[in-house]
Amino acid sequence: MQATTKITKRSTMQEDRDAYLVRVAAEDADALGLEGAPEGETSEEAGPFSLEKVIDKLKTVFDPEIPVNVVDLGLIYVCEAHPLADGGHRVEIKMSMTAPGCGMGDVLKADAGRKVQGVAGVTEVDIEIVWVGREPRVRGRSTAAWHVLRRQR
């Protein structure tokens, strides 16, 4: 199957011979006759840095085919913050997709990066898409993601 991906600032279109998958940005919702407000994820939030805020932002990143966020789907395997000399933080994330051939991986990666970059105190974001296969789940999350959330408390 031959596929192409066109990514612009405001929308993404995944095309193959048999189907189209289009993701429309919130600010373009009116073109479809829907109401939508700009997401504003690029504006930095106030307050001190916390990993909990990063996880909360990741909970606003949704799989385009399943209306569940990437944290609750158990797709976040590593989420670590490292302090930088400038006082900011570098956030490193390793995430997976629901299937190895997911054509929206780059879109989800960009969406997550944009949203995490808006967290107060985040100056660098590094996201890697990994395929680790299935592992034991705790409360619907991968054990790795559960340990990340548990360490925060």
N, C-alpha and C. Protein backbone atom coordinates (compact mmCIF):
# COMPACT_ATOMS: atom_id res chain seq x y z
N MET A 1 0.84 -1.16 0.00
CA MET A 1 0.00 0.00 0.00
C MET A 1 0.89 1.24 0.00
N GLN A 2 0.68 2.12 -0.94
CA GLN A 2 1.45 3.34 -1.04
C GLN A 2 0.74 4.44 -0.25
N ALA A 3 1.49 5.13 0.61
CA ALA A 3 0.88 6.18 1.43
C ALA A 3 1.75 7.42 1.42
N THR A 4 1.13 8.56 1.53
CA THR A 4 1.86 9.82 1.66
C THR A 4 1.28 10.59 2.83
N THR A 5 2.10 11.43 3.43
CA THR A 5 1.63 12.26 4.54
C THR A 5 1.96 13.70 4.22
N LYS A 6 0.98 14.57 4.36
CA LYS A 6 1.18 16.00 4.20
C LYS A 6 0.91 16.65 5.54
N ILE A 7 1.93 17.30 6.09
CA ILE A 7 1.78 17.94 7.38
C ILE A 7 1.98 19.44 7.20
N THR A 8 1.02 20.20 7.63
CA THR A 8 1.14 21.65 7.63
C THR A 8 0.98 22.12 9.06
N LYS A 9 1.13 23.41 9.29
CA LYS A 9 1.01 23.95 10.63
C LYS A 9 -0.37 23.70 11.22
N ARG A 10 -1.39 23.67 10.40
CA ARG A 10 -2.76 23.64 10.93
C ARG A 10 -3.52 22.35 10.68
N SER A 11 -3.04 21.47 9.84
CA SER A 11 -3.78 20.23 9.63
C SER A 11 -2.84 19.16 9.09
N THR A 12 -3.30 17.95 9.14
CA THR A 12 -2.53 16.83 8.65
C THR A 12 -3.44 15.95 7.83
N MET A 13 -2.92 15.47 6.72
CA MET A 13 -3.71 14.56 5.89
C MET A 13 -2.88 13.34 5.57
N GLN A 14 -3.36 12.20 5.96
CA GLN A 14 -2.73 10.92 5.65
C GLN A 14 -3.51 10.32 4.49
N GLU A 15 -2.84 10.03 3.41
CA GLU A 15 -3.54 9.57 2.21
C GLU A 15 -2.98 8.23 1.75
N ASP A 16 -3.85 7.32 1.42
CA ASP A 16 -3.44 6.11 0.71
C ASP A 16 -4.50 5.84 -0.34
N ARG A 17 -4.34 4.77 -1.07
CA ARG A 17 -5.25 4.51 -2.19
C ARG A 17 -6.68 4.25 -1.77
N ASP A 18 -6.88 3.72 -0.57
CA ASP A 18 -8.21 3.28 -0.17
C ASP A 18 -8.94 4.22 0.79
N ALA A 19 -8.22 5.09 1.49
CA ALA A 19 -8.89 5.88 2.52
C ALA A 19 -8.17 7.19 2.77
N TYR A 20 -8.88 8.10 3.43
CA TYR A 20 -8.30 9.37 3.84
C TYR A 20 -8.50 9.54 5.34
N LEU A 21 -7.49 10.03 6.00
CA LEU A 21 -7.57 10.35 7.41
C LEU A 21 -7.12 11.79 7.53
N VAL A 22 -8.00 12.66 7.98
CA VAL A 22 -7.70 14.08 8.07
C VAL A 22 -7.90 14.53 9.50
N ARG A 23 -6.97 15.30 10.00
CA ARG A 23 -7.07 15.86 11.34
C ARG A 23 -7.12 17.38 11.17
N VAL A 24 -8.19 17.98 11.63
CA VAL A 24 -8.40 19.42 11.47
C VAL A 24 -8.09 20.11 12.79
N ALA A 25 -7.28 21.17 12.73
CA ALA A 25 -6.94 21.93 13.93
C ALA A 25 -8.17 22.65 14.46
N ALA A 26 -8.20 22.90 15.76
CA ALA A 26 -9.37 23.52 16.40
C ALA A 26 -9.70 24.87 15.78
N GLU A 27 -8.67 25.65 15.43
CA GLU A 27 -8.96 26.98 14.87
C GLU A 27 -9.59 26.91 13.48
N ASP A 28 -9.59 25.72 12.86
CA ASP A 28 -10.22 25.55 11.56
C ASP A 28 -11.58 24.86 11.64
N ALA A 29 -12.08 24.62 12.84
CA ALA A 29 -13.34 23.90 13.03
C ALA A 29 -14.51 24.60 12.34
N ASP A 30 -14.45 25.93 12.23
CA ASP A 30 -15.55 26.66 11.60
C ASP A 30 -15.70 26.30 10.12
N ALA A 31 -14.63 25.83 9.48
CA ALA A 31 -14.71 25.42 8.08
C ALA A 31 -15.61 24.20 7.92
N LEU A 32 -15.80 23.45 9.00
CA LEU A 32 -16.66 22.28 8.99
C LEU A 32 -18.03 22.57 9.60
N GLY A 33 -18.24 23.84 9.94
CA GLY A 33 -19.50 24.22 10.56
C GLY A 33 -19.55 23.91 12.04
N LEU A 34 -18.38 23.69 12.65
CA LEU A 34 -18.30 23.39 14.07
C LEU A 34 -17.72 24.57 14.82
N GLU A 35 -18.00 24.63 16.10
CA GLU A 35 -17.40 25.67 16.92
C GLU A 35 -16.15 25.10 17.55
N GLY A 36 -15.10 25.89 17.54
CA GLY A 36 -13.85 25.46 18.16
C GLY A 36 -13.04 26.66 18.53
N ALA A 37 -12.38 26.58 19.66
CA ALA A 37 -11.51 27.67 20.09
C ALA A 37 -10.07 27.27 19.83
N PRO A 38 -9.21 28.22 19.54
CA PRO A 38 -7.79 27.88 19.39
C PRO A 38 -7.29 27.20 20.66
N GLU A 39 -6.48 26.17 20.47
CA GLU A 39 -6.02 25.38 21.61
C GLU A 39 -5.03 26.12 22.49
N GLY A 40 -4.22 26.98 21.90
CA GLY A 40 -3.29 27.79 22.69
C GLY A 40 -2.23 27.00 23.41
N GLU A 41 -1.85 25.82 22.90
CA GLU A 41 -0.88 25.01 23.62
C GLU A 41 0.53 25.56 23.55
N THR A 42 0.78 26.54 22.69
CA THR A 42 2.12 27.07 22.60
C THR A 42 2.39 28.15 23.63
N SER A 43 1.34 28.70 24.26
CA SER A 43 1.57 29.71 25.28
C SER A 43 1.97 29.03 26.58
N GLU A 44 3.00 29.58 27.22
CA GLU A 44 3.52 28.95 28.43
C GLU A 44 2.61 29.23 29.62
N GLU A 45 2.39 28.21 30.42
CA GLU A 45 1.58 28.35 31.62
C GLU A 45 2.42 28.96 32.73
N ALA A 46 1.76 29.57 33.68
CA ALA A 46 2.45 30.17 34.82
C ALA A 46 2.71 29.13 35.90
N GLY A 47 3.63 29.46 36.78
CA GLY A 47 3.90 28.59 37.92
C GLY A 47 5.19 27.82 37.77
N PRO A 48 5.58 27.13 38.82
CA PRO A 48 6.82 26.36 38.78
C PRO A 48 6.66 25.07 37.95
N PHE A 49 7.78 24.54 37.51
CA PHE A 49 7.78 23.30 36.74
C PHE A 49 7.40 22.12 37.63
N SER A 50 6.64 21.19 37.07
CA SER A 50 6.41 19.91 37.73
C SER A 50 6.13 18.86 36.66
N LEU A 51 6.57 17.64 36.94
CA LEU A 51 6.34 16.54 36.00
C LEU A 51 4.86 16.23 35.90
N GLU A 52 4.12 16.50 36.96
CA GLU A 52 2.67 16.29 36.94
C GLU A 52 2.01 17.16 35.86
N LYS A 53 2.49 18.40 35.71
CA LYS A 53 1.96 19.28 34.66
C LYS A 53 2.24 18.72 33.27
N VAL A 54 3.40 18.10 33.11
CA VAL A 54 3.75 17.47 31.83
C VAL A 54 2.79 16.34 31.53
N ILE A 55 2.55 15.48 32.53
CA ILE A 55 1.63 14.35 32.36
C ILE A 55 0.22 14.88 32.05
N ASP A 56 -0.19 15.94 32.74
CA ASP A 56 -1.51 16.53 32.47
C ASP A 56 -1.62 17.00 31.03
N LYS A 57 -0.55 17.61 30.50
CA LYS A 57 -0.56 18.04 29.09
C LYS A 57 -0.62 16.84 28.15
N LEU A 58 0.11 15.78 28.49
CA LEU A 58 0.07 14.57 27.65
C LEU A 58 -1.32 13.95 27.64
N LYS A 59 -2.09 14.19 28.68
CA LYS A 59 -3.46 13.68 28.72
C LYS A 59 -4.38 14.43 27.77
N THR A 60 -3.88 15.50 27.15
CA THR A 60 -4.68 16.22 26.15
C THR A 60 -4.30 15.82 24.72
N VAL A 61 -3.41 14.83 24.59
CA VAL A 61 -3.00 14.31 23.28
C VAL A 61 -3.79 13.02 23.05
N PHE A 62 -4.63 13.03 22.02
CA PHE A 62 -5.53 11.91 21.77
C PHE A 62 -5.15 11.16 20.50
N ASP A 63 -5.28 9.85 20.55
CA ASP A 63 -5.15 9.03 19.36
C ASP A 63 -6.28 9.44 18.43
N PRO A 64 -5.98 9.72 17.15
CA PRO A 64 -7.03 10.22 16.25
C PRO A 64 -8.12 9.19 15.93
N GLU A 65 -7.85 7.91 16.13
CA GLU A 65 -8.85 6.90 15.82
C GLU A 65 -9.59 6.39 17.04
N ILE A 66 -9.02 6.64 18.22
CA ILE A 66 -9.62 6.18 19.47
C ILE A 66 -9.75 7.41 20.36
N PRO A 67 -10.91 7.74 20.85
CA PRO A 67 -11.05 8.95 21.67
C PRO A 67 -10.54 8.78 23.10
N VAL A 68 -9.29 8.32 23.22
CA VAL A 68 -8.65 8.13 24.52
C VAL A 68 -7.27 8.76 24.44
N ASN A 69 -6.84 9.41 25.51
CA ASN A 69 -5.53 10.08 25.47
C ASN A 69 -4.38 9.08 25.58
N VAL A 70 -3.17 9.52 25.19
CA VAL A 70 -2.02 8.63 25.11
C VAL A 70 -1.56 8.12 26.48
N VAL A 71 -1.84 8.87 27.55
CA VAL A 71 -1.47 8.41 28.89
C VAL A 71 -2.39 7.27 29.31
N ASP A 72 -3.70 7.47 29.19
CA ASP A 72 -4.65 6.44 29.59
C ASP A 72 -4.58 5.20 28.68
N LEU A 73 -4.12 5.39 27.44
CA LEU A 73 -3.93 4.24 26.56
C LEU A 73 -2.68 3.44 26.94
N GLY A 74 -1.83 4.00 27.82
CA GLY A 74 -0.60 3.31 28.22
C GLY A 74 0.50 3.44 27.19
N LEU A 75 0.49 4.48 26.38
CA LEU A 75 1.47 4.64 25.32
C LEU A 75 2.71 5.41 25.76
N ILE A 76 2.70 5.99 26.96
CA ILE A 76 3.86 6.71 27.48
C ILE A 76 4.67 5.74 28.34
N TYR A 77 5.87 5.42 27.89
CA TYR A 77 6.71 4.46 28.60
C TYR A 77 7.76 5.13 29.47
N VAL A 78 8.24 6.29 29.05
CA VAL A 78 9.22 7.04 29.83
C VAL A 78 8.83 8.51 29.75
N CYS A 79 8.84 9.18 30.89
CA CYS A 79 8.63 10.63 30.94
C CYS A 79 9.51 11.14 32.07
N GLU A 80 10.65 11.71 31.70
CA GLU A 80 11.63 12.16 32.68
C GLU A 80 11.97 13.62 32.44
N ALA A 81 12.30 14.32 33.51
CA ALA A 81 12.73 15.71 33.42
C ALA A 81 14.15 15.83 33.95
N HIS A 82 14.96 16.60 33.24
CA HIS A 82 16.35 16.82 33.65
C HIS A 82 16.58 18.33 33.74
N PRO A 83 17.05 18.81 34.90
CA PRO A 83 17.31 20.25 35.04
C PRO A 83 18.46 20.69 34.13
N LEU A 84 18.35 21.90 33.58
CA LEU A 84 19.38 22.46 32.72
C LEU A 84 20.06 23.63 33.42
N ALA A 85 21.22 23.99 32.93
CA ALA A 85 22.00 25.08 33.53
C ALA A 85 21.25 26.42 33.51
N ASP A 86 20.38 26.61 32.52
CA ASP A 86 19.64 27.88 32.41
C ASP A 86 18.45 27.96 33.36
N GLY A 87 18.24 26.92 34.17
CA GLY A 87 17.12 26.91 35.11
C GLY A 87 15.88 26.21 34.56
N GLY A 88 15.87 25.93 33.27
CA GLY A 88 14.76 25.21 32.67
C GLY A 88 14.92 23.71 32.81
N HIS A 89 14.05 22.98 32.14
CA HIS A 89 14.09 21.51 32.17
C HIS A 89 14.02 20.94 30.78
N ARG A 90 14.74 19.85 30.58
CA ARG A 90 14.64 19.06 29.35
C ARG A 90 13.75 17.87 29.68
N VAL A 91 12.67 17.72 28.94
CA VAL A 91 11.75 16.61 29.17
C VAL A 91 11.99 15.57 28.09
N GLU A 92 12.24 14.35 28.52
CA GLU A 92 12.46 13.23 27.61
C GLU A 92 11.29 12.27 27.72
N ILE A 93 10.70 11.97 26.57
CA ILE A 93 9.52 11.10 26.53
C ILE A 93 9.78 9.99 25.52
N LYS A 94 9.44 8.78 25.92
CA LYS A 94 9.42 7.66 24.99
C LYS A 94 7.98 7.19 24.95
N MET A 95 7.43 7.19 23.76
CA MET A 95 6.03 6.79 23.61
C MET A 95 5.90 5.81 22.45
N SER A 96 4.84 5.06 22.49
CA SER A 96 4.57 4.07 21.45
C SER A 96 3.27 4.43 20.76
N MET A 97 2.93 3.68 19.77
CA MET A 97 1.66 3.82 19.06
C MET A 97 0.82 2.59 19.35
N THR A 98 -0.45 2.65 18.99
CA THR A 98 -1.33 1.50 19.24
C THR A 98 -1.01 0.34 18.32
N ALA A 99 -0.33 0.61 17.20
CA ALA A 99 0.06 -0.45 16.27
C ALA A 99 1.38 -0.05 15.62
N PRO A 100 2.24 -1.02 15.29
CA PRO A 100 3.55 -0.71 14.72
C PRO A 100 3.47 0.11 13.42
N GLY A 101 2.46 -0.06 12.63
CA GLY A 101 2.36 0.63 11.35
C GLY A 101 1.53 1.91 11.41
N CYS A 102 1.29 2.43 12.59
CA CYS A 102 0.45 3.63 12.74
C CYS A 102 1.02 4.78 11.92
N GLY A 103 0.22 5.28 11.00
CA GLY A 103 0.66 6.36 10.13
C GLY A 103 0.60 7.73 10.77
N MET A 104 0.06 7.83 11.96
CA MET A 104 -0.08 9.12 12.64
C MET A 104 0.98 9.33 13.71
N GLY A 105 2.00 8.49 13.75
CA GLY A 105 3.05 8.61 14.77
C GLY A 105 3.71 9.97 14.80
N ASP A 106 4.10 10.48 13.64
CA ASP A 106 4.75 11.79 13.60
C ASP A 106 3.81 12.90 14.03
N VAL A 107 2.53 12.76 13.72
CA VAL A 107 1.55 13.77 14.11
C VAL A 107 1.36 13.77 15.63
N LEU A 108 1.22 12.58 16.23
CA LEU A 108 1.09 12.50 17.69
C LEU A 108 2.34 13.00 18.39
N LYS A 109 3.50 12.69 17.83
CA LYS A 109 4.77 13.15 18.39
C LYS A 109 4.84 14.68 18.37
N ALA A 110 4.47 15.28 17.25
CA ALA A 110 4.48 16.74 17.14
C ALA A 110 3.46 17.38 18.07
N ASP A 111 2.29 16.78 18.17
CA ASP A 111 1.23 17.29 19.05
C ASP A 111 1.70 17.25 20.50
N ALA A 112 2.27 16.13 20.92
CA ALA A 112 2.77 16.00 22.29
C ALA A 112 3.88 17.00 22.55
N GLY A 113 4.80 17.15 21.62
CA GLY A 113 5.91 18.08 21.79
C GLY A 113 5.44 19.52 21.93
N ARG A 114 4.48 19.91 21.11
CA ARG A 114 3.93 21.27 21.14
C ARG A 114 3.26 21.54 22.49
N LYS A 115 2.52 20.58 22.97
CA LYS A 115 1.80 20.77 24.23
C LYS A 115 2.74 20.77 25.43
N VAL A 116 3.71 19.86 25.46
CA VAL A 116 4.65 19.80 26.58
C VAL A 116 5.54 21.06 26.59
N GLN A 117 5.88 21.58 25.42
CA GLN A 117 6.70 22.79 25.34
C GLN A 117 6.01 23.97 26.03
N GLY A 118 4.69 23.95 26.12
CA GLY A 118 3.94 25.03 26.77
C GLY A 118 3.90 24.95 28.28
N VAL A 119 4.45 23.89 28.87
CA VAL A 119 4.46 23.75 30.33
C VAL A 119 5.52 24.69 30.92
N ALA A 120 5.18 25.37 31.98
CA ALA A 120 6.12 26.29 32.64
C ALA A 120 7.41 25.57 33.01
N GLY A 121 8.54 26.18 32.66
CA GLY A 121 9.85 25.62 33.01
C GLY A 121 10.42 24.65 32.01
N VAL A 122 9.66 24.29 30.98
CA VAL A 122 10.17 23.37 29.95
C VAL A 122 10.87 24.19 28.87
N THR A 123 12.15 23.92 28.67
CA THR A 123 12.88 24.63 27.62
C THR A 123 13.28 23.71 26.48
N GLU A 124 13.31 22.40 26.72
CA GLU A 124 13.63 21.42 25.67
C GLU A 124 12.71 20.22 25.81
N VAL A 125 12.30 19.67 24.67
CA VAL A 125 11.48 18.46 24.66
C VAL A 125 12.08 17.49 23.66
N ASP A 126 12.28 16.26 24.09
CA ASP A 126 12.80 15.21 23.21
C ASP A 126 11.82 14.05 23.28
N ILE A 127 11.18 13.75 22.16
CA ILE A 127 10.21 12.65 22.13
C ILE A 127 10.69 11.61 21.13
N GLU A 128 10.71 10.38 21.58
CA GLU A 128 11.11 9.27 20.73
C GLU A 128 9.95 8.28 20.62
N ILE A 129 9.63 7.90 19.40
CA ILE A 129 8.61 6.87 19.19
C ILE A 129 9.32 5.52 19.25
N VAL A 130 8.85 4.66 20.13
CA VAL A 130 9.45 3.33 20.30
C VAL A 130 8.37 2.28 20.13
N TRP A 131 8.78 1.10 19.78
CA TRP A 131 7.86 -0.03 19.76
C TRP A 131 8.39 -1.07 20.72
N VAL A 132 7.74 -1.15 21.88
CA VAL A 132 8.18 -2.08 22.90
C VAL A 132 7.26 -3.27 23.03
N GLY A 133 6.21 -3.28 22.25
CA GLY A 133 5.27 -4.39 22.32
C GLY A 133 4.42 -4.32 23.57
N ARG A 134 3.69 -5.36 23.82
CA ARG A 134 2.80 -5.38 24.98
C ARG A 134 3.57 -5.76 26.23
N GLU A 135 3.21 -5.13 27.32
CA GLU A 135 3.76 -5.46 28.63
C GLU A 135 2.63 -5.43 29.64
N PRO A 136 2.86 -5.92 30.84
CA PRO A 136 1.79 -5.94 31.83
C PRO A 136 1.20 -4.55 32.07
N ARG A 137 -0.09 -4.51 32.31
CA ARG A 137 -0.78 -3.23 32.53
C ARG A 137 -1.25 -3.14 33.97
N VAL A 138 -1.23 -1.92 34.49
CA VAL A 138 -1.75 -1.64 35.82
C VAL A 138 -2.79 -0.55 35.67
N ARG A 139 -4.03 -0.83 36.06
CA ARG A 139 -5.12 0.13 35.93
C ARG A 139 -5.19 0.70 34.51
N GLY A 140 -5.05 -0.14 33.50
CA GLY A 140 -5.18 0.30 32.12
C GLY A 140 -3.94 0.96 31.56
N ARG A 141 -2.89 1.10 32.35
CA ARG A 141 -1.67 1.74 31.88
C ARG A 141 -0.55 0.71 31.84
N SER A 142 0.45 0.99 31.01
CA SER A 142 1.63 0.13 31.02
C SER A 142 2.28 0.26 32.39
N THR A 143 2.99 -0.75 32.83
CA THR A 143 3.64 -0.67 34.13
C THR A 143 4.67 0.44 34.15
N ALA A 144 5.34 0.71 33.02
CA ALA A 144 6.31 1.80 32.97
C ALA A 144 5.63 3.15 33.20
N ALA A 145 4.51 3.38 32.55
CA ALA A 145 3.78 4.65 32.73
C ALA A 145 3.25 4.74 34.15
N TRP A 146 2.79 3.65 34.70
CA TRP A 146 2.27 3.66 36.06
C TRP A 146 3.38 4.04 37.05
N HIS A 147 4.59 3.52 36.85
CA HIS A 147 5.70 3.85 37.73
C HIS A 147 6.09 5.32 37.61
N VAL A 148 6.01 5.88 36.42
CA VAL A 148 6.29 7.30 36.22
C VAL A 148 5.30 8.12 37.04
N LEU A 149 4.02 7.79 36.94
CA LEU A 149 3.00 8.54 37.67
C LEU A 149 3.14 8.32 39.17
N ARG A 150 3.49 7.12 39.58
CA ARG A 150 3.62 6.81 41.00
C ARG A 150 4.78 7.58 41.63
N ARG A 151 5.90 7.74 40.89
CA ARG A 151 7.07 8.45 41.41
C ARG A 151 6.76 9.91 41.72
N GLN A 152 5.77 10.46 41.03
CA GLN A 152 5.43 11.87 41.22
C GLN A 152 4.78 12.13 42.56
N ARG A 153 4.14 11.14 43.12
CA ARG A 153 3.36 11.34 44.36
C ARG A 153 4.21 11.26 45.57
